[in-house]
Protein backbone atom coordinates (compact mmCIF):
# COMPACT_ATOMS: atom_id res chain seq x y z
CA MET A 1 72.91 157.10 197.74
CA THR A 2 76.45 157.77 196.48
CA SER A 3 75.96 155.23 193.70
CA GLU A 4 72.68 156.85 192.69
CA LYS A 5 74.34 160.23 192.54
CA LYS A 6 77.17 158.76 190.43
CA ASP A 7 74.68 157.19 187.97
CA ASN A 8 72.89 160.50 187.68
CA SER A 9 76.12 162.26 187.05
CA ILE A 10 77.02 159.96 184.23
CA LYS A 11 73.54 160.21 182.80
CA ALA A 12 73.78 163.98 182.88
CA ARG A 13 77.16 163.99 181.16
CA ILE A 14 75.85 161.71 178.37
CA GLU A 15 72.81 163.96 177.91
CA HIS A 16 75.03 167.01 177.88
CA LEU A 17 77.28 165.44 175.25
CA SER A 18 74.38 164.43 173.10
CA ALA A 19 72.94 167.91 173.29
CA ALA A 20 76.27 169.41 172.43
CA LEU A 21 76.64 167.20 169.40
CA HIS A 22 73.00 167.86 168.33
CA ASN A 23 73.47 171.65 168.69
CA GLY A 24 76.89 171.59 167.09
CA THR A 25 75.50 169.71 164.06
CA GLU A 26 72.52 172.09 163.75
CA ARG A 27 74.88 175.14 163.80
CA PHE A 28 77.12 173.51 161.20
CA PHE A 29 74.19 172.82 158.83
CA GLU A 30 72.78 176.24 159.52
CA LYS A 31 75.99 177.83 158.30
CA LEU A 32 76.22 175.34 155.45
CA GLY A 33 72.69 176.20 154.38
CA GLY A 34 73.54 179.86 154.46
CA LEU A 35 76.57 179.29 152.09
CA VAL A 36 74.39 177.21 149.70
CA VAL A 37 71.53 179.76 149.75
CA ASN A 38 73.96 182.83 149.24
CA TYR A 39 76.26 181.05 146.62
CA PRO A 40 74.08 178.52 144.84
CA GLY A 41 76.10 178.78 141.55
CA ALA A 42 79.30 178.32 143.29
CA THR A 43 77.98 175.31 145.20
CA ILE A 44 76.67 173.54 142.07
CA GLY A 45 79.88 174.40 140.13
CA LEU A 46 82.09 172.91 142.88
CA CYS A 47 79.98 169.74 143.02
CA LEU A 48 80.15 169.30 139.28
CA LEU A 49 83.92 169.91 139.35
CA PHE A 50 84.33 167.23 142.02
CA VAL A 51 82.32 164.81 139.96
CA VAL A 52 84.40 165.43 136.86
CA ILE A 53 87.63 164.95 138.79
CA MET A 54 86.43 161.69 140.46
CA ALA A 55 85.07 160.41 137.09
CA GLN A 56 88.64 160.33 135.77
CA GLY A 57 89.11 157.27 137.89
CA VAL A 58 87.29 155.33 135.21
CA TRP A 59 90.61 155.19 133.22
CA LEU A 60 91.97 153.09 136.11
CA TYR A 61 89.05 150.73 136.22
CA GLU A 62 89.82 147.11 137.04
CA GLU A 63 87.32 144.34 137.57
CA GLU A 64 87.90 141.06 139.39
CA LEU A 65 86.19 138.40 137.40
CA ALA A 66 87.70 135.26 138.85
CA ALA A 67 85.23 133.78 141.35
CA ASP A 68 88.03 132.12 143.39
CA LYS A 69 89.73 135.50 143.90
CA GLN A 70 86.47 137.19 144.91
CA PHE A 71 85.59 134.70 147.72
CA THR A 72 88.97 133.09 148.73
CA PRO A 73 91.34 135.07 150.96
CA ARG A 74 94.47 135.84 149.09
CA ASP A 75 96.71 134.91 151.97
CA SER A 76 95.11 131.58 152.68
CA GLN A 77 97.18 128.42 152.66
CA ALA A 78 95.08 126.99 149.94
CA VAL A 79 95.83 129.85 147.54
CA ASN A 80 99.51 129.72 148.40
CA GLU A 81 99.65 126.04 147.67
CA GLU A 82 97.72 126.39 144.46
CA THR A 83 100.14 129.16 143.31
CA TRP A 84 103.06 126.83 144.16
CA VAL A 85 101.58 124.00 142.09
CA VAL A 86 100.69 126.19 139.06
CA ASP A 87 104.21 127.76 139.00
CA ARG A 88 105.75 124.37 138.80
CA PHE A 89 103.25 122.20 136.97
CA GLY A 90 100.95 124.59 135.18
CA HIS A 91 97.12 124.55 135.37
CA GLU A 92 95.28 121.26 135.32
CA ASN A 93 93.51 120.23 132.16
CA ARG A 94 89.95 121.28 131.83
CA PRO A 95 87.47 118.45 131.25
CA VAL A 96 84.66 118.58 128.79
CA TYR A 97 81.75 116.08 129.30
CA LEU A 98 79.77 115.00 126.25
CA GLN A 99 76.87 113.14 127.90
CA VAL A 100 74.42 111.18 125.84
CA GLU A 101 71.00 110.20 127.18
CA ALA A 102 68.55 107.93 125.52
CA ASP A 103 64.73 108.29 125.66
CA ASP A 104 62.67 105.98 127.85
CA GLY A 105 62.89 102.41 126.80
CA THR A 106 66.08 102.99 124.68
CA ASN A 107 69.33 101.34 125.54
CA MET A 108 72.55 103.30 124.94
CA LEU A 109 74.52 100.09 124.68
CA THR A 110 72.95 98.91 121.42
CA LYS A 111 74.85 99.23 118.26
CA ALA A 112 72.64 101.93 116.85
CA SER A 113 72.90 104.12 120.03
CA LEU A 114 76.71 103.63 120.17
CA LEU A 115 76.97 104.75 116.55
CA TYR A 116 74.99 107.86 117.46
CA MET A 117 77.49 108.41 120.25
CA GLN A 118 80.33 107.92 117.78
CA GLU A 119 78.61 110.48 115.47
CA MET A 120 78.61 113.05 118.28
CA HIS A 121 82.26 112.32 119.04
CA GLU A 122 83.22 112.89 115.39
CA TRP A 123 80.90 116.05 115.30
CA LEU A 124 82.78 117.50 118.29
CA LEU A 125 86.17 116.87 116.74
CA SER A 126 85.02 118.69 113.54
CA GLN A 127 83.97 121.99 115.23
CA SER A 128 86.02 125.07 114.71
CA LEU A 129 85.92 128.82 115.29
CA ILE A 130 88.15 131.91 115.01
CA VAL A 131 89.76 133.16 118.17
CA ASP A 132 92.09 136.26 117.84
CA GLY A 133 92.44 135.61 114.16
CA GLU A 134 93.42 131.97 114.60
CA ASP A 135 91.37 129.01 113.47
CA VAL A 136 90.64 126.90 116.61
CA THR A 137 89.74 123.29 116.32
CA TYR A 138 89.77 120.37 118.81
CA ASN A 139 93.28 119.55 117.67
CA VAL A 140 94.35 123.04 118.82
CA VAL A 141 92.71 122.99 122.22
CA CYS A 142 93.24 119.40 123.19
CA ALA A 143 95.49 118.63 126.13
CA ARG A 144 98.82 116.95 125.45
CA TYR A 145 101.47 115.56 127.77
CA THR A 146 104.12 117.63 125.91
CA LYS A 147 103.75 119.97 122.93
CA ASP A 148 105.09 117.27 120.53
CA ASP A 149 102.65 114.55 121.73
CA ASP A 150 99.36 113.59 120.21
CA CYS A 151 96.15 114.75 121.92
CA LYS A 152 95.20 112.91 125.03
CA SER A 153 92.65 110.23 124.06
CA PRO A 154 89.07 110.84 125.18
CA VAL A 155 87.69 108.17 127.43
CA SER A 156 84.22 106.54 127.22
CA VAL A 157 82.62 103.09 126.37
CA LEU A 158 83.77 103.86 122.85
CA SER A 159 87.27 103.21 123.96
CA TYR A 160 86.60 99.54 123.37
CA TRP A 161 86.76 100.54 119.69
CA GLN A 162 89.36 103.29 120.04
CA HIS A 163 86.58 105.83 119.14
CA ASN A 164 86.82 104.54 115.58
CA ARG A 165 83.66 104.16 113.46
CA THR A 166 85.06 101.45 111.29
CA LEU A 167 85.90 99.10 114.18
CA LEU A 168 82.53 99.80 115.81
CA GLU A 169 80.59 99.01 112.64
CA ALA A 170 82.54 95.86 112.14
CA ASP A 171 81.62 94.55 115.60
CA PRO A 172 78.53 92.28 115.19
CA ASN A 173 77.71 92.40 118.99
CA PRO A 174 79.09 95.53 120.82
CA LEU A 175 77.39 94.63 124.08
CA SER A 176 79.11 91.22 123.99
CA THR A 177 82.44 92.97 123.49
CA ILE A 178 81.79 95.19 126.49
CA ASN A 179 81.07 92.23 128.71
CA SER A 180 83.92 90.03 127.43
CA VAL A 181 86.85 92.40 127.26
CA ASP A 182 88.25 93.51 130.62
CA TRP A 183 87.91 97.31 130.91
CA ARG A 184 91.25 97.43 132.84
CA ASP A 185 92.96 96.30 129.57
CA ILE A 186 91.22 99.21 127.77
CA GLU A 187 92.05 101.82 130.50
CA PRO A 188 94.71 100.33 132.73
CA SER A 189 95.22 103.60 134.75
CA GLY A 190 91.80 105.14 134.42
CA SER A 191 88.54 105.16 136.27
CA PRO A 192 86.27 102.14 136.23
CA LEU A 193 83.68 101.68 133.45
CA SER A 194 80.89 102.66 135.77
CA PHE A 195 82.30 106.11 135.86
CA TYR A 196 81.35 106.59 132.24
CA LEU A 197 77.83 105.00 132.53
CA GLY A 198 74.79 106.56 134.05
CA GLY A 199 73.67 105.51 137.57
CA ASP A 200 70.78 103.67 135.98
CA ALA A 201 73.02 100.94 134.36
CA VAL A 202 71.38 97.48 134.56
CA ARG A 203 73.34 94.24 135.06
CA ASP A 204 72.13 90.66 135.07
CA ALA A 205 72.66 88.09 137.93
CA SER A 206 76.25 87.32 136.65
CA GLY A 207 77.21 90.92 136.66
CA ALA A 208 77.19 91.48 132.92
CA LEU A 209 75.91 94.80 131.66
CA VAL A 210 72.47 94.68 130.09
CA SER A 211 71.56 98.29 129.38
CA THR A 212 72.02 101.97 130.46
CA ARG A 213 70.13 105.14 129.54
CA ALA A 214 73.08 107.39 129.76
CA THR A 215 76.85 107.37 129.11
CA ARG A 216 79.50 110.01 128.46
CA ILE A 217 82.77 110.80 126.81
CA ILE A 218 85.40 112.82 128.72
CA TYR A 219 87.76 114.97 126.80
CA ASN A 220 90.67 116.96 128.24
CA LEU A 221 91.52 120.53 126.86
CA LYS A 222 94.51 122.57 127.52
CA ASN A 223 94.31 125.27 130.27
CA GLU A 224 96.91 127.95 129.44
CA LYS A 225 95.38 130.84 131.36
CA GLU A 226 95.78 134.51 130.51
CA ASP A 227 93.81 137.72 131.25
CA ILE A 228 90.81 138.06 128.95
CA SER A 229 89.05 141.40 128.77
CA GLY A 230 85.53 141.12 130.34
CA VAL A 231 86.12 137.51 131.33
CA GLY A 232 89.09 137.27 133.73
CA ASN A 233 91.89 134.71 133.85
CA ASP A 234 91.19 131.91 131.43
CA ASP A 235 92.40 130.06 128.39
CA PRO A 236 90.63 131.99 125.55
CA GLN A 237 90.87 129.21 122.92
CA SER A 238 89.60 126.41 125.20
CA ARG A 239 86.89 128.66 126.78
CA TYR A 240 85.31 129.76 123.44
CA PHE A 241 85.61 126.18 122.00
CA GLU A 242 83.77 124.93 125.04
CA ILE A 243 80.96 127.50 124.64
CA LEU A 244 80.74 126.82 120.86
CA VAL A 245 80.20 123.04 121.22
CA ALA A 246 77.85 123.43 124.15
CA GLU A 247 75.60 125.83 122.20
CA LYS A 248 75.66 123.81 119.05
CA SER A 249 74.90 120.62 120.93
CA ALA A 250 71.88 122.28 122.44
CA ASP A 251 70.71 123.49 118.91
CA ARG A 252 70.68 119.92 117.50
CA ARG A 253 69.13 118.25 120.50
CA SER A 254 65.50 118.15 119.31
CA ALA A 255 66.45 116.77 115.86
CA ASP A 256 68.58 114.10 117.48
CA ARG A 257 65.78 112.90 119.72
CA GLN A 258 63.57 112.35 116.64
CA ALA A 259 66.29 110.60 114.70
CA HIS A 260 68.05 108.60 117.30
CA LYS A 261 65.80 108.45 120.35
CA ALA A 262 68.67 110.10 122.18
CA ALA A 263 70.28 113.51 122.78
CA SER A 264 73.59 114.86 123.93
CA PHE A 265 74.38 117.35 126.63
CA ILE A 266 77.77 119.04 126.91
CA ARG A 267 79.02 120.33 130.27
CA THR A 268 82.09 122.57 130.44
CA SER A 269 83.62 125.07 132.84
CA GLY A 270 83.49 127.71 130.13
CA GLN A 271 79.77 127.17 129.69
CA GLU A 272 79.15 127.67 133.44
CA LYS A 273 81.29 130.92 133.41
CA GLN A 274 79.35 132.17 130.40
CA ALA A 275 76.00 131.58 132.17
CA SER A 276 77.36 133.43 135.18
CA SER A 277 78.50 136.39 133.01
CA SER A 278 75.20 136.53 131.25
CA ALA A 279 73.29 136.61 134.57
CA ILE A 280 75.46 139.43 135.83
CA SER A 281 74.91 141.40 132.55
CA SER A 282 71.24 140.84 132.82
CA ASP A 283 71.16 142.62 136.18
CA VAL A 284 72.15 145.85 134.49
CA GLY A 285 68.59 146.09 133.16
CA ASN A 286 67.32 145.48 136.69
CA LEU A 287 69.48 148.38 138.10
CA ILE A 288 68.09 150.70 135.44
CA MET A 289 64.61 149.67 136.24
CA GLY A 290 65.37 150.28 139.93
CA TYR A 291 66.46 153.84 139.15
CA VAL A 292 63.32 154.46 137.05
CA LEU A 293 61.03 153.21 139.85
CA MET A 294 62.84 155.26 142.42
CA LEU A 295 62.55 158.28 140.23
CA LEU A 296 58.77 157.77 139.90
CA TYR A 297 58.45 157.08 143.59
CA ALA A 298 60.36 160.17 144.64
CA SER A 299 58.48 162.35 142.27
CA PHE A 300 55.13 161.01 143.61
CA ILE A 301 56.06 161.45 147.27
CA LEU A 302 57.38 165.04 146.69
CA SER A 303 54.27 165.98 144.55
CA ARG A 304 51.95 166.22 147.62
CA GLY A 305 49.05 165.79 145.30
CA ARG A 306 48.86 169.52 144.63
CA ALA A 307 50.53 171.26 141.58
CA LYS A 308 50.99 174.46 143.49
CA TYR A 309 53.11 172.80 146.18
CA SER A 310 54.58 170.07 144.11
CA HIS A 311 58.32 169.41 144.10
CA SER A 312 58.29 166.51 141.71
CA LEU A 313 61.18 167.99 139.71
CA LEU A 314 63.24 167.84 142.88
CA GLY A 315 62.87 164.08 142.77
CA VAL A 316 64.46 164.05 139.34
CA VAL A 317 67.31 166.29 140.53
CA SER A 318 67.74 164.12 143.75
CA VAL A 319 68.16 160.87 141.68
CA ALA A 320 70.61 162.60 139.37
CA ALA A 321 72.55 163.92 142.35
CA VAL A 322 72.67 160.46 143.97
CA GLY A 323 73.80 158.95 140.64
CA ALA A 324 76.62 161.50 140.43
CA ALA A 325 77.73 160.78 144.01
CA THR A 326 77.70 157.03 143.29
CA PHE A 327 79.72 157.47 140.12
CA SER A 328 82.18 159.68 142.00
CA ALA A 329 82.58 157.06 144.73
CA TYR A 330 83.28 154.40 142.18
CA GLY A 331 85.80 156.72 140.49
CA PHE A 332 87.53 157.39 143.83
CA CYS A 333 87.75 153.65 144.52
CA TRP A 334 89.33 153.11 141.13
CA TYR A 335 91.80 155.84 141.86
CA ILE A 336 92.99 153.98 144.98
CA GLY A 337 93.09 150.60 143.27
CA VAL A 338 89.95 148.85 144.69
CA LYS A 339 88.75 146.48 141.96
CA PHE A 340 85.17 146.35 140.93
CA ASN A 341 83.35 143.02 141.27
CA SER A 342 79.90 141.60 140.69
CA VAL A 343 78.88 142.11 144.27
CA VAL A 344 79.63 145.90 144.09
CA GLN A 345 77.08 146.16 141.30
CA VAL A 346 74.30 145.89 143.81
CA LEU A 347 75.52 148.95 145.71
CA VAL A 348 74.05 151.28 143.07
CA LEU A 349 70.52 150.70 144.50
CA VAL A 350 71.71 150.79 148.08
CA LEU A 351 73.21 154.23 147.68
CA LEU A 352 70.20 155.34 145.72
CA GLY A 353 67.90 154.33 148.62
CA VAL A 354 70.16 156.17 151.21
CA GLY A 355 70.41 159.32 149.07
CA ILE A 356 66.65 159.62 148.41
CA ASP A 357 65.91 159.01 151.98
CA ASP A 358 68.08 162.07 152.84
CA THR A 359 66.05 164.09 150.37
CA PHE A 360 62.82 163.08 152.08
CA VAL A 361 64.25 164.25 155.46
CA ILE A 362 65.29 167.63 154.12
CA MET A 363 61.88 168.08 152.46
CA ASP A 364 60.08 167.02 155.59
CA SER A 365 61.90 169.78 157.44
CA TRP A 366 61.20 172.23 154.57
CA TRP A 367 57.45 171.58 154.99
CA ASP A 368 57.68 171.96 158.77
CA CYS A 369 59.22 175.44 158.29
CA SER A 370 56.28 176.65 156.14
CA GLU A 371 55.69 179.54 158.62
CA ILE A 372 58.98 181.20 157.90
CA PRO A 373 58.26 184.00 155.50
CA THR A 374 61.35 184.38 153.30
CA MET A 375 62.72 181.60 151.03
CA LYS A 376 66.31 181.89 152.12
CA GLU A 377 65.51 181.78 155.85
CA ARG A 378 63.21 178.81 155.32
CA MET A 379 65.93 176.87 153.46
CA ILE A 380 68.55 177.64 156.16
CA ALA A 381 66.10 176.50 158.85
CA ALA A 382 65.24 173.32 156.96
CA MET A 383 68.99 172.44 156.57
CA LYS A 384 69.43 173.16 160.27
CA HIS A 385 66.73 170.80 161.45
CA ALA A 386 67.45 168.08 158.92
CA GLY A 387 71.21 168.03 159.34
CA PRO A 388 71.33 166.02 162.64
CA ALA A 389 69.04 163.27 161.30
CA ILE A 390 70.97 162.88 158.06
CA THR A 391 74.24 162.89 159.93
CA ILE A 392 73.17 160.22 162.40
CA THR A 393 71.84 157.79 159.73
CA SER A 394 74.95 158.43 157.51
CA VAL A 395 77.44 157.82 160.43
CA THR A 396 75.55 154.70 161.45
CA ASP A 397 75.79 153.34 157.88
CA LEU A 398 79.49 154.32 157.70
CA ILE A 399 80.29 152.46 160.95
CA ALA A 400 78.40 149.29 159.72
CA PHE A 401 80.27 149.22 156.43
CA LEU A 402 83.58 150.07 157.98
CA ALA A 403 83.14 147.08 160.38
CA GLY A 404 82.26 144.92 157.37
CA SER A 405 85.51 145.96 155.55
CA GLY A 406 87.31 143.64 158.02
CA THR A 407 85.84 140.56 156.44
CA ALA A 408 88.26 137.85 155.03
CA PHE A 409 86.20 137.56 151.80
CA PRO A 410 87.79 139.88 149.12
CA ALA A 411 84.60 140.54 147.30
CA LEU A 412 82.67 141.53 150.39
CA ARG A 413 85.57 143.53 151.74
CA ASP A 414 85.81 145.55 148.48
CA PHE A 415 81.95 145.97 148.54
CA CYS A 416 82.29 147.59 152.05
CA TYR A 417 85.07 149.89 150.80
CA TYR A 418 82.88 151.08 147.95
CA ALA A 419 79.91 151.38 150.31
CA THR A 420 81.95 153.45 152.84
CA ILE A 421 83.03 155.92 150.20
CA GLY A 422 79.62 155.92 148.61
CA ILE A 423 77.83 156.76 151.78
CA THR A 424 80.37 159.53 152.38
CA PHE A 425 79.85 161.03 148.93
CA ASP A 426 76.12 160.63 149.26
CA PHE A 427 76.26 162.69 152.52
CA VAL A 428 78.35 165.38 150.95
């Protein structure tokens, strides 16, 4: 019996606390509604001033573009060891793979196919572009053991002829050369020949190479990283040279297939980063479309199907208010040094959904208070009844994102920081 009384006592205290919080929140929003109703101009002015102040954070904008820094904890052993190695030995060379694939029934080890591969090699060496006012060629971006050394030699099956067209043309039977000369004499410290041939290489019973549909040349470029605006930490000359040869190789692929029954494919780290950046940039259009759809949806919901009672314009104002709150939150985060990243970009639509939901809650209370005769009293009553629901949902979201800010992944942690501030500003 004593235990039952104790349980009832705890339950009563919890119910009393819940009621007190609910009533306190209602009184707060009742007073807040009174201030807004009595001083609408001052309320709007203060909000706009707050947005303008927070917007100044854009001058402190920083974006983290390096994928490893977004998803690898900065204090991890791997990062510390990498920093130690880079400080003493510099960054590793960046490989470029020129891969040549023959059409069905075509052997890449014939003299004609090897000459096409030699042509592609010479084509790559001839490419150039301007980066920061400097003419960048392969000879500029190639990796060297020291600055005074020649470029590191590319490696491929063409190494049998030193990547020299004259020597290859003079060889009456290239396939015989490949099978008779020990690859270890060509590349004594390198990878085996199979590393440069496709997995479909065919050998006869004695182990001699007969054919392969694919082979590749591996080049090494320098990797002197620096901060590049809109890109992150990278070597600008090597990056843009990689993108150039990859794009031009794709442009000539169709013609090469017709002329040589083969085509080249260039794979580079710069090409992959470019594709990632393009994908992120394309998401901006999706975000704009999301805002437009939410604007239409909010206007439709608030229209109530009757022009006399329609509040469609309120949907437009609500979307604009949420946008201002979101931009203010971003500005505040830039003030305190939280970097922007690709994950944070998604937050725009999350905050839009939360903000518009608050609008629907307030309007639902407004419609429930339709019996109140005066406009001011009705607005105060609507704020009073909607306040607790908005507060509970906002606090729930805040707790969830605050908990998420403890993650070890920098990109997700910063996302939770932005979300926490965004939910707060949405609420305000």
